[in-house]
Amino acid sequence: RPDKAISPGKNFFAGGFGGVCLVFAGHPLDTIKVRIQTMPVPGPGESPLYRGTFDCFKQTLAKEGFKGLYKGMAAPIIGVTPMFAVCFFGFGLGKKLQQKTPDDVLTYPQLFAAGMLSGVFTTAIMAPGERIKCLLQIQAAKGEVKYAGPMDCVKQLYKESGIRGIYRGTALTLMRDVPASGMYFMTYEWLKRLLTPEGKSPNELSVPSVLFAGGMAGIFNWAVAIPPDVLKSRFQTAPEGKYPNGFRDVLRELLREEGVASLYKGFTAVMLRAFPANAACFLGFEMAMKFLNWAAPGL
């Protein structure tokens, strides 16, 4: 039984702090994920640029040092903090809207629905941030510098194709984030209930339990999100006009050239990152919530 009525406002601030924890824990593997997903297809007799996750990690460290793994982190910190704030706010709101009284315990489909609402909320912030992040991450790997940084990237995209250029890939971001967010929050709440000893409240979970529930939620989230994510990385980094019919063209090309397995490109990097990053996120969120409930109990 929740001790207090759900406070979307507290969710907002605690979610933002969780987001910062997530970026610090997960960004190195995110860089590797995008580089593997977008590396050129090797010609006949050529070996691929990266043999796999660990090879990409080794090469990046050797060529660019530890800093290379944290390339392009400013954009996600600026983008992720408000995004996770909005994400947890959307989840809090989705839960609150479905409760008749503050004591109502929600069913799993209701939690899934609340999670999906948070996915709609985040896409509005997320779509442009993701587009910019992907463009900056691959230009470093390609070695040609077109954009000086995130703001320059926004300016150039806006000049080239207006607001649509900045929001390219929004439908794919929705396809990725709405079902995945539903999975994310539902799994977290399910595991929290599962790990709570008899007679205790889920709010009193130990740190290892929160880390485990958060990490597993991340893995369930990405199991749903990877195929649309691969399509989105491709679509958002493609030259203007390459895919006139949007994601259907990307899907057709991928399946034709590389088969179904290509929809799970970057799987290892994603799963290796999903656990620690989301464990860090939910731990940050829970700690911030405890602090806010202590500092401002009436809010």
C-alpha atoms as a PDB file:
ATOM      1  CA  ARG A   1       0.000   0.000   0.000  1.00  0.00           C
ATOM      2  CA  PRO A   2       1.512   3.378  -0.985  1.00  0.00           C
ATOM      3  CA  ASP A   3       2.068   5.519   2.118  1.00  0.00           C
ATOM      4  CA  LYS A   4       1.122   8.734   0.356  1.00  0.00           C
ATOM      5  CA  ALA A   5      -0.917   9.930  -2.572  1.00  0.00           C
ATOM      6  CA  ILE A   6       1.123   9.825  -5.786  1.00  0.00           C
ATOM      7  CA  SER A   7       2.816  13.167  -6.412  1.00  0.00           C
ATOM      8  CA  PRO A   8       3.588  13.719 -10.121  1.00  0.00           C
ATOM      9  CA  GLY A   9       5.625  16.792  -9.103  1.00  0.00           C
ATOM     10  CA  LYS A  10       7.976  14.780  -6.902  1.00  0.00           C
ATOM     11  CA  ASN A  11       8.164  12.133  -9.625  1.00  0.00           C
ATOM     12  CA  PHE A  12       9.328  14.920 -11.950  1.00  0.00           C
ATOM     13  CA  PHE A  13      12.320  15.946  -9.828  1.00  0.00           C
ATOM     14  CA  ALA A  14      13.261  12.453  -8.709  1.00  0.00           C
ATOM     15  CA  GLY A  15      13.008  11.227 -12.317  1.00  0.00           C
ATOM     16  CA  GLY A  16      15.384  13.961 -13.457  1.00  0.00           C
ATOM     17  CA  PHE A  17      17.958  12.867 -10.892  1.00  0.00           C
ATOM     18  CA  GLY A  18      17.482   9.246 -11.973  1.00  0.00           C
ATOM     19  CA  GLY A  19      18.158  10.329 -15.552  1.00  0.00           C
ATOM     20  CA  VAL A  20      21.499  11.895 -14.636  1.00  0.00           C
ATOM     21  CA  CYS A  21      22.506   8.646 -12.877  1.00  0.00           C
ATOM     22  CA  LEU A  22      21.473   6.698 -15.971  1.00  0.00           C
ATOM     23  CA  VAL A  23      23.600   8.760 -18.376  1.00  0.00           C
ATOM     24  CA  PHE A  24      26.729   8.478 -16.254  1.00  0.00           C
ATOM     25  CA  ALA A  25      26.342   4.726 -15.937  1.00  0.00           C
ATOM     26  CA  GLY A  26      25.262   4.041 -19.513  1.00  0.00           C
ATOM     27  CA  HIS A  27      26.776   6.531 -21.943  1.00  0.00           C
ATOM     28  CA  PRO A  28      29.976   4.638 -22.831  1.00  0.00           C
ATOM     29  CA  LEU A  29      27.961   1.651 -24.032  1.00  0.00           C
ATOM     30  CA  ASP A  30      25.523   3.920 -25.845  1.00  0.00           C
ATOM     31  CA  THR A  31      28.370   5.334 -27.933  1.00  0.00           C
ATOM     32  CA  ILE A  32      29.412   1.786 -28.807  1.00  0.00           C
ATOM     33  CA  LYS A  33      25.814   0.776 -29.614  1.00  0.00           C
ATOM     34  CA  VAL A  34      25.357   3.600 -32.129  1.00  0.00           C
ATOM     35  CA  ARG A  35      28.757   2.979 -33.736  1.00  0.00           C
ATOM     36  CA  ILE A  36      27.993  -0.727 -34.208  1.00  0.00           C
ATOM     37  CA  GLN A  37      24.480  -0.063 -35.509  1.00  0.00           C
ATOM     38  CA  THR A  38      25.685   2.428 -38.119  1.00  0.00           C
ATOM     39  CA  MET A  39      29.057   0.996 -39.188  1.00  0.00           C
ATOM     40  CA  PRO A  40      29.421   0.529 -42.962  1.00  0.00           C
ATOM     41  CA  VAL A  41      28.668  -2.913 -44.442  1.00  0.00           C
ATOM     42  CA  PRO A  42      32.092  -4.438 -45.297  1.00  0.00           C
ATOM     43  CA  GLY A  43      32.815  -5.032 -49.003  1.00  0.00           C
ATOM     44  CA  PRO A  44      33.782  -8.491 -50.324  1.00  0.00           C
ATOM     45  CA  GLY A  45      37.016  -9.637 -48.676  1.00  0.00           C
ATOM     46  CA  GLU A  46      37.022  -6.732 -46.200  1.00  0.00           C
ATOM     47  CA  SER A  47      36.739  -7.369 -42.508  1.00  0.00           C
ATOM     48  CA  PRO A  48      34.091  -5.311 -40.647  1.00  0.00           C
ATOM     49  CA  LEU A  49      35.177  -2.105 -38.905  1.00  0.00           C
ATOM     50  CA  TYR A  50      34.347  -3.637 -35.489  1.00  0.00           C
ATOM     51  CA  ARG A  51      34.249  -7.359 -34.783  1.00  0.00           C
ATOM     52  CA  GLY A  52      31.785  -6.812 -31.958  1.00  0.00           C
ATOM     53  CA  THR A  53      31.034  -4.896 -28.775  1.00  0.00           C
ATOM     54  CA  PHE A  54      34.350  -5.518 -27.037  1.00  0.00           C
ATOM     55  CA  ASP A  55      36.374  -4.852 -30.166  1.00  0.00           C
ATOM     56  CA  CYS A  56      34.590  -1.508 -30.660  1.00  0.00           C
ATOM     57  CA  PHE A  57      35.267  -0.729 -26.988  1.00  0.00           C
ATOM     58  CA  LYS A  58      38.985  -1.584 -27.407  1.00  0.00           C
ATOM     59  CA  GLN A  59      39.355   0.441 -30.605  1.00  0.00           C
ATOM     60  CA  THR A  60      37.574   3.476 -29.169  1.00  0.00           C
ATOM     61  CA  LEU A  61      39.758   3.393 -26.052  1.00  0.00           C
ATOM     62  CA  ALA A  62      42.943   2.943 -28.094  1.00  0.00           C
ATOM     63  CA  LYS A  63      42.143   5.743 -30.551  1.00  0.00           C
ATOM     64  CA  GLU A  64      40.317   8.268 -28.398  1.00  0.00           C
ATOM     65  CA  GLY A  65      41.076   7.314 -24.824  1.00  0.00           C
ATOM     66  CA  PHE A  66      38.539   7.241 -22.013  1.00  0.00           C
ATOM     67  CA  LYS A  67      37.104  10.568 -23.225  1.00  0.00           C
ATOM     68  CA  GLY A  68      36.020   8.917 -26.492  1.00  0.00           C
ATOM     69  CA  LEU A  69      33.533   6.761 -24.593  1.00  0.00           C
ATOM     70  CA  TYR A  70      31.892   9.884 -23.170  1.00  0.00           C
ATOM     71  CA  LYS A  71      31.632  11.648 -26.559  1.00  0.00           C
ATOM     72  CA  GLY A  72      28.405  13.509 -27.112  1.00  0.00           C
ATOM     73  CA  MET A  73      27.383  13.236 -23.457  1.00  0.00           C
ATOM     74  CA  ALA A  74      26.383  16.901 -23.083  1.00  0.00           C
ATOM     75  CA  ALA A  75      23.317  16.428 -25.296  1.00  0.00           C
ATOM     76  CA  PRO A  76      21.926  13.443 -23.339  1.00  0.00           C
ATOM     77  CA  ILE A  77      22.577  15.113 -19.955  1.00  0.00           C
ATOM     78  CA  ILE A  78      20.750  18.238 -21.140  1.00  0.00           C
ATOM     79  CA  GLY A  79      18.094  16.110 -22.841  1.00  0.00           C
ATOM     80  CA  VAL A  80      17.835  13.135 -20.477  1.00  0.00           C
ATOM     81  CA  THR A  81      17.376  15.077 -17.264  1.00  0.00           C
ATOM     82  CA  PRO A  82      14.160  16.789 -18.392  1.00  0.00           C
ATOM     83  CA  MET A  83      13.191  13.682 -20.342  1.00  0.00           C
ATOM     84  CA  PHE A  84      13.331  11.325 -17.365  1.00  0.00           C
ATOM     85  CA  ALA A  85      11.685  14.031 -15.287  1.00  0.00           C
ATOM     86  CA  VAL A  86       8.831  14.136 -17.822  1.00  0.00           C
ATOM     87  CA  CYS A  87       8.876  10.340 -18.146  1.00  0.00           C
ATOM     88  CA  PHE A  88       8.426   9.702 -14.416  1.00  0.00           C
ATOM     89  CA  PHE A  89       5.966  12.614 -14.263  1.00  0.00           C
ATOM     90  CA  GLY A  90       3.915  10.969 -17.048  1.00  0.00           C
ATOM     91  CA  PHE A  91       4.004   7.643 -15.206  1.00  0.00           C
ATOM     92  CA  GLY A  92       2.942   9.315 -11.943  1.00  0.00           C
ATOM     93  CA  LEU A  93       0.146  11.143 -13.744  1.00  0.00           C
ATOM     94  CA  GLY A  94      -0.938   7.959 -15.548  1.00  0.00           C
ATOM     95  CA  LYS A  95      -1.146   6.144 -12.204  1.00  0.00           C
ATOM     96  CA  LYS A  96      -2.966   9.018 -10.507  1.00  0.00           C
ATOM     97  CA  LEU A  97      -5.554   9.308 -13.303  1.00  0.00           C
ATOM     98  CA  GLN A  98      -6.481   5.643 -12.929  1.00  0.00           C
ATOM     99  CA  GLN A  99      -6.879   5.695  -9.150  1.00  0.00           C
ATOM    100  CA  LYS A 100     -10.329   6.283  -7.716  1.00  0.00           C
ATOM    101  CA  THR A 101      -8.879   6.773  -4.222  1.00  0.00           C
ATOM    102  CA  PRO A 102      -5.222   7.385  -3.234  1.00  0.00           C
ATOM    103  CA  ASP A 103      -5.162   3.892  -1.703  1.00  0.00           C
ATOM    104  CA  ASP A 104      -6.036   2.044  -4.925  1.00  0.00           C
ATOM    105  CA  VAL A 105      -3.437  -0.536  -5.892  1.00  0.00           C
ATOM    106  CA  LEU A 106      -3.207  -0.567  -9.692  1.00  0.00           C
ATOM    107  CA  THR A 107      -3.354  -3.743 -11.803  1.00  0.00           C
ATOM    108  CA  TYR A 108      -0.508  -4.613 -14.184  1.00  0.00           C
ATOM    109  CA  PRO A 109      -2.453  -3.562 -17.328  1.00  0.00           C
ATOM    110  CA  GLN A 110      -3.110  -0.219 -15.609  1.00  0.00           C
ATOM    111  CA  LEU A 111       0.592   0.157 -14.802  1.00  0.00           C
ATOM    112  CA  PHE A 112       1.393  -0.716 -18.425  1.00  0.00           C
ATOM    113  CA  ALA A 113      -1.045   1.988 -19.602  1.00  0.00           C
ATOM    114  CA  ALA A 114       0.505   4.530 -17.217  1.00  0.00           C
ATOM    115  CA  GLY A 115       3.934   3.606 -18.598  1.00  0.00           C
ATOM    116  CA  MET A 116       2.691   4.074 -22.175  1.00  0.00           C
ATOM    117  CA  LEU A 117       1.466   7.567 -21.296  1.00  0.00           C
ATOM    118  CA  SER A 118       4.951   8.394 -20.068  1.00  0.00           C
ATOM    119  CA  GLY A 119       6.280   7.220 -23.459  1.00  0.00           C
ATOM    120  CA  VAL A 120       4.059   9.702 -25.301  1.00  0.00           C
ATOM    121  CA  PHE A 121       5.225  12.508 -23.002  1.00  0.00           C
ATOM    122  CA  THR A 122       8.909  11.757 -23.497  1.00  0.00           C
ATOM    123  CA  THR A 123       8.787  11.455 -27.289  1.00  0.00           C
ATOM    124  CA  ALA A 124       8.062  15.177 -27.636  1.00  0.00           C
ATOM    125  CA  ILE A 125      11.409  15.930 -25.956  1.00  0.00           C
ATOM    126  CA  MET A 126      13.170  12.791 -27.066  1.00  0.00           C
ATOM    127  CA  ALA A 127      12.802  12.745 -30.841  1.00  0.00           C
ATOM    128  CA  PRO A 128      14.948  15.816 -31.604  1.00  0.00           C
ATOM    129  CA  GLY A 129      17.484  14.939 -28.894  1.00  0.00           C
ATOM    130  CA  GLU A 130      17.966  11.444 -30.305  1.00  0.00           C
ATOM    131  CA  ARG A 131      18.351  12.719 -33.852  1.00  0.00           C
ATOM    132  CA  ILE A 132      21.073  15.155 -32.786  1.00  0.00           C
ATOM    133  CA  LYS A 133      22.813  12.553 -30.606  1.00  0.00           C
ATOM    134  CA  CYS A 134      22.984  10.014 -33.457  1.00  0.00           C
ATOM    135  CA  LEU A 135      24.323  12.584 -35.933  1.00  0.00           C
ATOM    136  CA  LEU A 136      27.045  13.751 -33.521  1.00  0.00           C
ATOM    137  CA  GLN A 137      28.034  10.194 -32.554  1.00  0.00           C
ATOM    138  CA  ILE A 138      28.501   8.990 -36.124  1.00  0.00           C
ATOM    139  CA  GLN A 139      30.365  12.065 -37.343  1.00  0.00           C
ATOM    140  CA  ALA A 140      33.050  11.319 -34.743  1.00  0.00           C
ATOM    141  CA  ALA A 141      33.322   7.741 -36.034  1.00  0.00           C
ATOM    142  CA  LYS A 142      33.348   8.844 -39.710  1.00  0.00           C
ATOM    143  CA  GLY A 143      35.971  11.509 -39.092  1.00  0.00           C
ATOM    144  CA  GLU A 144      34.220  14.298 -41.039  1.00  0.00           C
ATOM    145  CA  VAL A 145      33.120  17.194 -38.892  1.00  0.00           C
ATOM    146  CA  LYS A 146      29.907  18.757 -40.157  1.00  0.00           C
ATOM    147  CA  TYR A 147      28.491  19.988 -36.855  1.00  0.00           C
ATOM    148  CA  ALA A 148      30.436  21.906 -34.221  1.00  0.00           C
ATOM    149  CA  GLY A 149      28.134  20.706 -31.437  1.00  0.00           C
ATOM    150  CA  PRO A 150      24.485  20.134 -30.456  1.00  0.00           C
ATOM    151  CA  MET A 151      23.323  23.731 -30.955  1.00  0.00           C
ATOM    152  CA  ASP A 152      25.102  24.029 -34.291  1.00  0.00           C
ATOM    153  CA  CYS A 153      23.468  20.757 -35.341  1.00  0.00           C
ATOM    154  CA  VAL A 154      19.992  22.144 -34.494  1.00  0.00           C
ATOM    155  CA  LYS A 155      20.721  25.355 -36.428  1.00  0.00           C
ATOM    156  CA  GLN A 156      21.889  23.490 -39.523  1.00  0.00           C
ATOM    157  CA  LEU A 157      18.990  21.013 -39.476  1.00  0.00           C
ATOM    158  CA  TYR A 158      16.532  23.874 -39.104  1.00  0.00           C
ATOM    159  CA  LYS A 159      18.132  25.752 -41.996  1.00  0.00           C
ATOM    160  CA  GLU A 160      18.093  22.656 -44.225  1.00  0.00           C
ATOM    161  CA  SER A 161      14.556  21.425 -43.608  1.00  0.00           C
ATOM    162  CA  GLY A 162      12.809  23.433 -40.918  1.00  0.00           C
ATOM    163  CA  ILE A 163      11.236  21.991 -37.794  1.00  0.00           C
ATOM    164  CA  ARG A 164      10.537  18.750 -39.697  1.00  0.00           C
ATOM    165  CA  GLY A 165      14.272  18.149 -40.055  1.00  0.00           C
ATOM    166  CA  ILE A 166      14.702  18.360 -36.287  1.00  0.00           C
ATOM    167  CA  TYR A 167      11.722  16.069 -35.628  1.00  0.00           C
ATOM    168  CA  ARG A 168      12.607  13.460 -38.249  1.00  0.00           C
ATOM    169  CA  GLY A 169      11.977   9.953 -36.924  1.00  0.00           C
ATOM    170  CA  THR A 170       9.241  10.931 -34.458  1.00  0.00           C
ATOM    171  CA  ALA A 171       6.872   8.148 -35.542  1.00  0.00           C
ATOM    172  CA  LEU A 172       9.674   5.633 -34.998  1.00  0.00           C
ATOM    173  CA  THR A 173      10.506   7.138 -31.624  1.00  0.00           C
ATOM    174  CA  LEU A 174       6.833   6.695 -30.639  1.00  0.00           C
ATOM    175  CA  MET A 175       6.816   3.094 -31.915  1.00  0.00           C
ATOM    176  CA  ARG A 176       9.904   2.459 -29.835  1.00  0.00           C
ATOM    177  CA  ASP A 177       9.051   4.310 -26.643  1.00  0.00           C
ATOM    178  CA  VAL A 178       5.320   3.851 -26.075  1.00  0.00           C
ATOM    179  CA  PRO A 179       5.223   0.026 -25.767  1.00  0.00           C
ATOM    180  CA  ALA A 180       8.741  -0.060 -24.295  1.00  0.00           C
ATOM    181  CA  SER A 181       7.848   2.441 -21.535  1.00  0.00           C
ATOM    182  CA  GLY A 182       4.800   0.372 -20.694  1.00  0.00           C
ATOM    183  CA  MET A 183       7.043  -2.686 -20.293  1.00  0.00           C
ATOM    184  CA  TYR A 184       9.635  -0.674 -18.380  1.00  0.00           C
ATOM    185  CA  PHE A 185       7.416   0.588 -15.594  1.00  0.00           C
ATOM    186  CA  MET A 186       5.219  -2.489 -15.409  1.00  0.00           C
ATOM    187  CA  THR A 187       8.290  -4.757 -14.990  1.00  0.00           C
ATOM    188  CA  TYR A 188       9.763  -2.461 -12.340  1.00  0.00           C
ATOM    189  CA  GLU A 189       6.573  -2.390 -10.275  1.00  0.00           C
ATOM    190  CA  TRP A 190       6.058  -6.136 -10.735  1.00  0.00           C
ATOM    191  CA  LEU A 191       9.590  -6.977  -9.523  1.00  0.00           C
ATOM    192  CA  LYS A 192       9.298  -4.503  -6.654  1.00  0.00           C
ATOM    193  CA  ARG A 193       6.155  -6.303  -5.471  1.00  0.00           C
ATOM    194  CA  LEU A 194       7.794  -9.675  -6.044  1.00  0.00           C
ATOM    195  CA  LEU A 195      10.876  -8.771  -3.990  1.00  0.00           C
ATOM    196  CA  THR A 196       8.957  -7.181  -1.117  1.00  0.00           C
ATOM    197  CA  PRO A 197       8.904  -9.454   1.930  1.00  0.00           C
ATOM    198  CA  GLU A 198       5.484 -10.271   3.466  1.00  0.00           C
ATOM    199  CA  GLY A 199       4.023  -7.427   5.483  1.00  0.00           C
ATOM    200  CA  LYS A 200       6.515  -4.845   4.217  1.00  0.00           C
ATOM    201  CA  SER A 201       5.885  -1.911   1.869  1.00  0.00           C
ATOM    202  CA  PRO A 202       7.610  -1.882  -1.559  1.00  0.00           C
ATOM    203  CA  ASN A 203       8.932   1.566  -0.556  1.00  0.00           C
ATOM    204  CA  GLU A 204      11.252  -0.082   1.995  1.00  0.00           C
ATOM    205  CA  LEU A 205      13.127  -2.250  -0.533  1.00  0.00           C
ATOM    206  CA  SER A 206      16.849  -2.739   0.028  1.00  0.00           C
ATOM    207  CA  VAL A 207      19.391  -1.158  -2.349  1.00  0.00           C
ATOM    208  CA  PRO A 208      20.301  -4.479  -4.069  1.00  0.00           C
ATOM    209  CA  SER A 209      16.592  -5.200  -4.662  1.00  0.00           C
ATOM    210  CA  VAL A 210      16.016  -1.772  -6.212  1.00  0.00           C
ATOM    211  CA  LEU A 211      19.122  -2.211  -8.376  1.00  0.00           C
ATOM    212  CA  PHE A 212      17.916  -5.624  -9.531  1.00  0.00           C
ATOM    213  CA  ALA A 213      14.339  -4.474 -10.266  1.00  0.00           C
ATOM    214  CA  GLY A 214      15.612  -1.385 -12.104  1.00  0.00           C
ATOM    215  CA  GLY A 215      18.181  -3.316 -14.113  1.00  0.00           C
ATOM    216  CA  MET A 216      15.683  -5.976 -15.169  1.00  0.00           C
ATOM    217  CA  ALA A 217      13.130  -3.295 -16.091  1.00  0.00           C
ATOM    218  CA  GLY A 218      15.776  -1.853 -18.409  1.00  0.00           C
ATOM    219  CA  ILE A 219      16.321  -5.235 -20.050  1.00  0.00           C
ATOM    220  CA  PHE A 220      12.572  -5.821 -20.611  1.00  0.00           C
ATOM    221  CA  ASN A 221      12.255  -2.278 -21.927  1.00  0.00           C
ATOM    222  CA  TRP A 222      14.974  -2.817 -24.537  1.00  0.00           C
ATOM    223  CA  ALA A 223      13.814  -6.284 -25.543  1.00  0.00           C
ATOM    224  CA  VAL A 224      10.716  -4.501 -26.864  1.00  0.00           C
ATOM    225  CA  ALA A 225      12.559  -1.398 -28.088  1.00  0.00           C
ATOM    226  CA  ILE A 226      15.550  -2.728 -30.067  1.00  0.00           C
ATOM    227  CA  PRO A 227      13.951  -3.425 -33.490  1.00  0.00           C
ATOM    228  CA  PRO A 228      12.344   0.027 -33.805  1.00  0.00           C
ATOM    229  CA  ASP A 229      15.564   1.508 -32.354  1.00  0.00           C
ATOM    230  CA  VAL A 230      17.712   0.005 -35.131  1.00  0.00           C
ATOM    231  CA  LEU A 231      15.307   1.365 -37.752  1.00  0.00           C
ATOM    232  CA  LYS A 232      15.343   4.750 -36.035  1.00  0.00           C
ATOM    233  CA  SER A 233      19.158   4.968 -35.873  1.00  0.00           C
ATOM    234  CA  ARG A 234      19.302   4.151 -39.591  1.00  0.00           C
ATOM    235  CA  PHE A 235      16.509   6.525 -40.564  1.00  0.00           C
ATOM    236  CA  GLN A 236      17.727   9.463 -38.485  1.00  0.00           C
ATOM    237  CA  THR A 237      21.312   9.256 -39.753  1.00  0.00           C
ATOM    238  CA  ALA A 238      20.429   8.620 -43.432  1.00  0.00           C
ATOM    239  CA  PRO A 239      21.046  11.368 -46.005  1.00  0.00           C
ATOM    240  CA  GLU A 240      17.981  13.486 -46.903  1.00  0.00           C
ATOM    241  CA  GLY A 241      15.598  11.673 -49.266  1.00  0.00           C
ATOM    242  CA  LYS A 242      17.178   8.209 -48.984  1.00  0.00           C
ATOM    243  CA  TYR A 243      13.996   6.693 -47.545  1.00  0.00           C
ATOM    244  CA  PRO A 244      11.036   8.514 -49.176  1.00  0.00           C
ATOM    245  CA  ASN A 245       8.403   6.284 -47.511  1.00  0.00           C
ATOM    246  CA  GLY A 246       9.920   6.556 -44.058  1.00  0.00           C
ATOM    247  CA  PHE A 247      10.478   3.543 -41.836  1.00  0.00           C
ATOM    248  CA  ARG A 248       8.831   1.052 -44.237  1.00  0.00           C
ATOM    249  CA  ASP A 249      11.716   1.658 -46.669  1.00  0.00           C
ATOM    250  CA  VAL A 250      14.304   1.244 -43.909  1.00  0.00           C
ATOM    251  CA  LEU A 251      12.708  -2.019 -42.794  1.00  0.00           C
ATOM    252  CA  ARG A 252      12.560  -3.344 -46.368  1.00  0.00           C
ATOM    253  CA  GLU A 253      16.208  -2.489 -47.035  1.00  0.00           C
ATOM    254  CA  LEU A 254      17.417  -4.010 -43.762  1.00  0.00           C
ATOM    255  CA  LEU A 255      15.507  -7.255 -44.242  1.00  0.00           C
ATOM    256  CA  ARG A 256      16.615  -7.531 -47.871  1.00  0.00           C
ATOM    257  CA  GLU A 257      20.295  -6.802 -47.231  1.00  0.00           C
ATOM    258  CA  GLU A 258      20.926  -8.274 -43.807  1.00  0.00           C
ATOM    259  CA  GLY A 259      17.953 -10.392 -42.740  1.00  0.00           C
ATOM    260  CA  VAL A 260      15.878 -10.456 -39.566  1.00  0.00           C
ATOM    261  CA  ALA A 261      18.918 -10.719 -37.270  1.00  0.00           C
ATOM    262  CA  SER A 262      19.890  -7.173 -38.265  1.00  0.00           C
ATOM    263  CA  LEU A 263      16.877  -5.889 -36.335  1.00  0.00           C
ATOM    264  CA  TYR A 264      18.725  -6.968 -33.208  1.00  0.00           C
ATOM    265  CA  LYS A 265      21.973  -5.178 -34.111  1.00  0.00           C
ATOM    266  CA  GLY A 266      23.804  -3.809 -31.133  1.00  0.00           C
ATOM    267  CA  PHE A 267      21.931  -6.267 -28.878  1.00  0.00           C
ATOM    268  CA  THR A 268      24.964  -7.060 -26.686  1.00  0.00           C
ATOM    269  CA  ALA A 269      25.863  -3.397 -26.190  1.00  0.00           C
ATOM    270  CA  VAL A 270      22.249  -2.527 -25.388  1.00  0.00           C
ATOM    271  CA  MET A 271      21.765  -5.329 -22.884  1.00  0.00           C
ATOM    272  CA  LEU A 272      25.130  -4.765 -21.206  1.00  0.00           C
ATOM    273  CA  ARG A 273      24.191  -1.117 -20.790  1.00  0.00           C
ATOM    274  CA  ALA A 274      20.521  -1.599 -19.941  1.00  0.00           C
ATOM    275  CA  PHE A 275      21.143  -3.324 -16.639  1.00  0.00           C
ATOM    276  CA  PRO A 276      23.636  -0.974 -14.923  1.00  0.00           C
ATOM    277  CA  ALA A 277      22.158   2.193 -16.462  1.00  0.00           C
ATOM    278  CA  ASN A 278      18.582   1.487 -15.398  1.00  0.00           C
ATOM    279  CA  ALA A 279      19.622   0.066 -12.057  1.00  0.00           C
ATOM    280  CA  ALA A 280      21.415   3.392 -11.463  1.00  0.00           C
ATOM    281  CA  CYS A 281      18.377   5.306 -12.721  1.00  0.00           C
ATOM    282  CA  PHE A 282      15.822   3.668 -10.435  1.00  0.00           C
ATOM    283  CA  LEU A 283      18.162   3.781  -7.457  1.00  0.00           C
ATOM    284  CA  GLY A 284      18.684   7.510  -8.075  1.00  0.00           C
ATOM    285  CA  PHE A 285      14.923   7.932  -8.438  1.00  0.00           C
ATOM    286  CA  GLU A 286      14.079   6.067  -5.222  1.00  0.00           C
ATOM    287  CA  MET A 287      16.759   7.912  -3.240  1.00  0.00           C
ATOM    288  CA  ALA A 288      15.594  11.282  -4.543  1.00  0.00           C
ATOM    289  CA  MET A 289      11.974  10.362  -3.705  1.00  0.00           C
ATOM    290  CA  LYS A 290      12.971   9.464  -0.138  1.00  0.00           C
ATOM    291  CA  PHE A 291      14.798  12.773   0.150  1.00  0.00           C
ATOM    292  CA  LEU A 292      11.835  14.768  -1.257  1.00  0.00           C
ATOM    293  CA  ASN A 293       9.336  12.987   0.999  1.00  0.00           C
ATOM    294  CA  TRP A 294      11.565  13.822   3.935  1.00  0.00           C
ATOM    295  CA  ALA A 295      12.279  17.422   2.855  1.00  0.00           C
ATOM    296  CA  ALA A 296       8.797  18.334   1.623  1.00  0.00           C
ATOM    297  CA  PRO A 297       6.299  15.835   3.033  1.00  0.00           C
ATOM    298  CA  GLY A 298       3.228  17.951   2.229  1.00  0.00           C
ATOM    299  CA  LEU A 299       3.817  18.374  -1.526  1.00  0.00           C
END
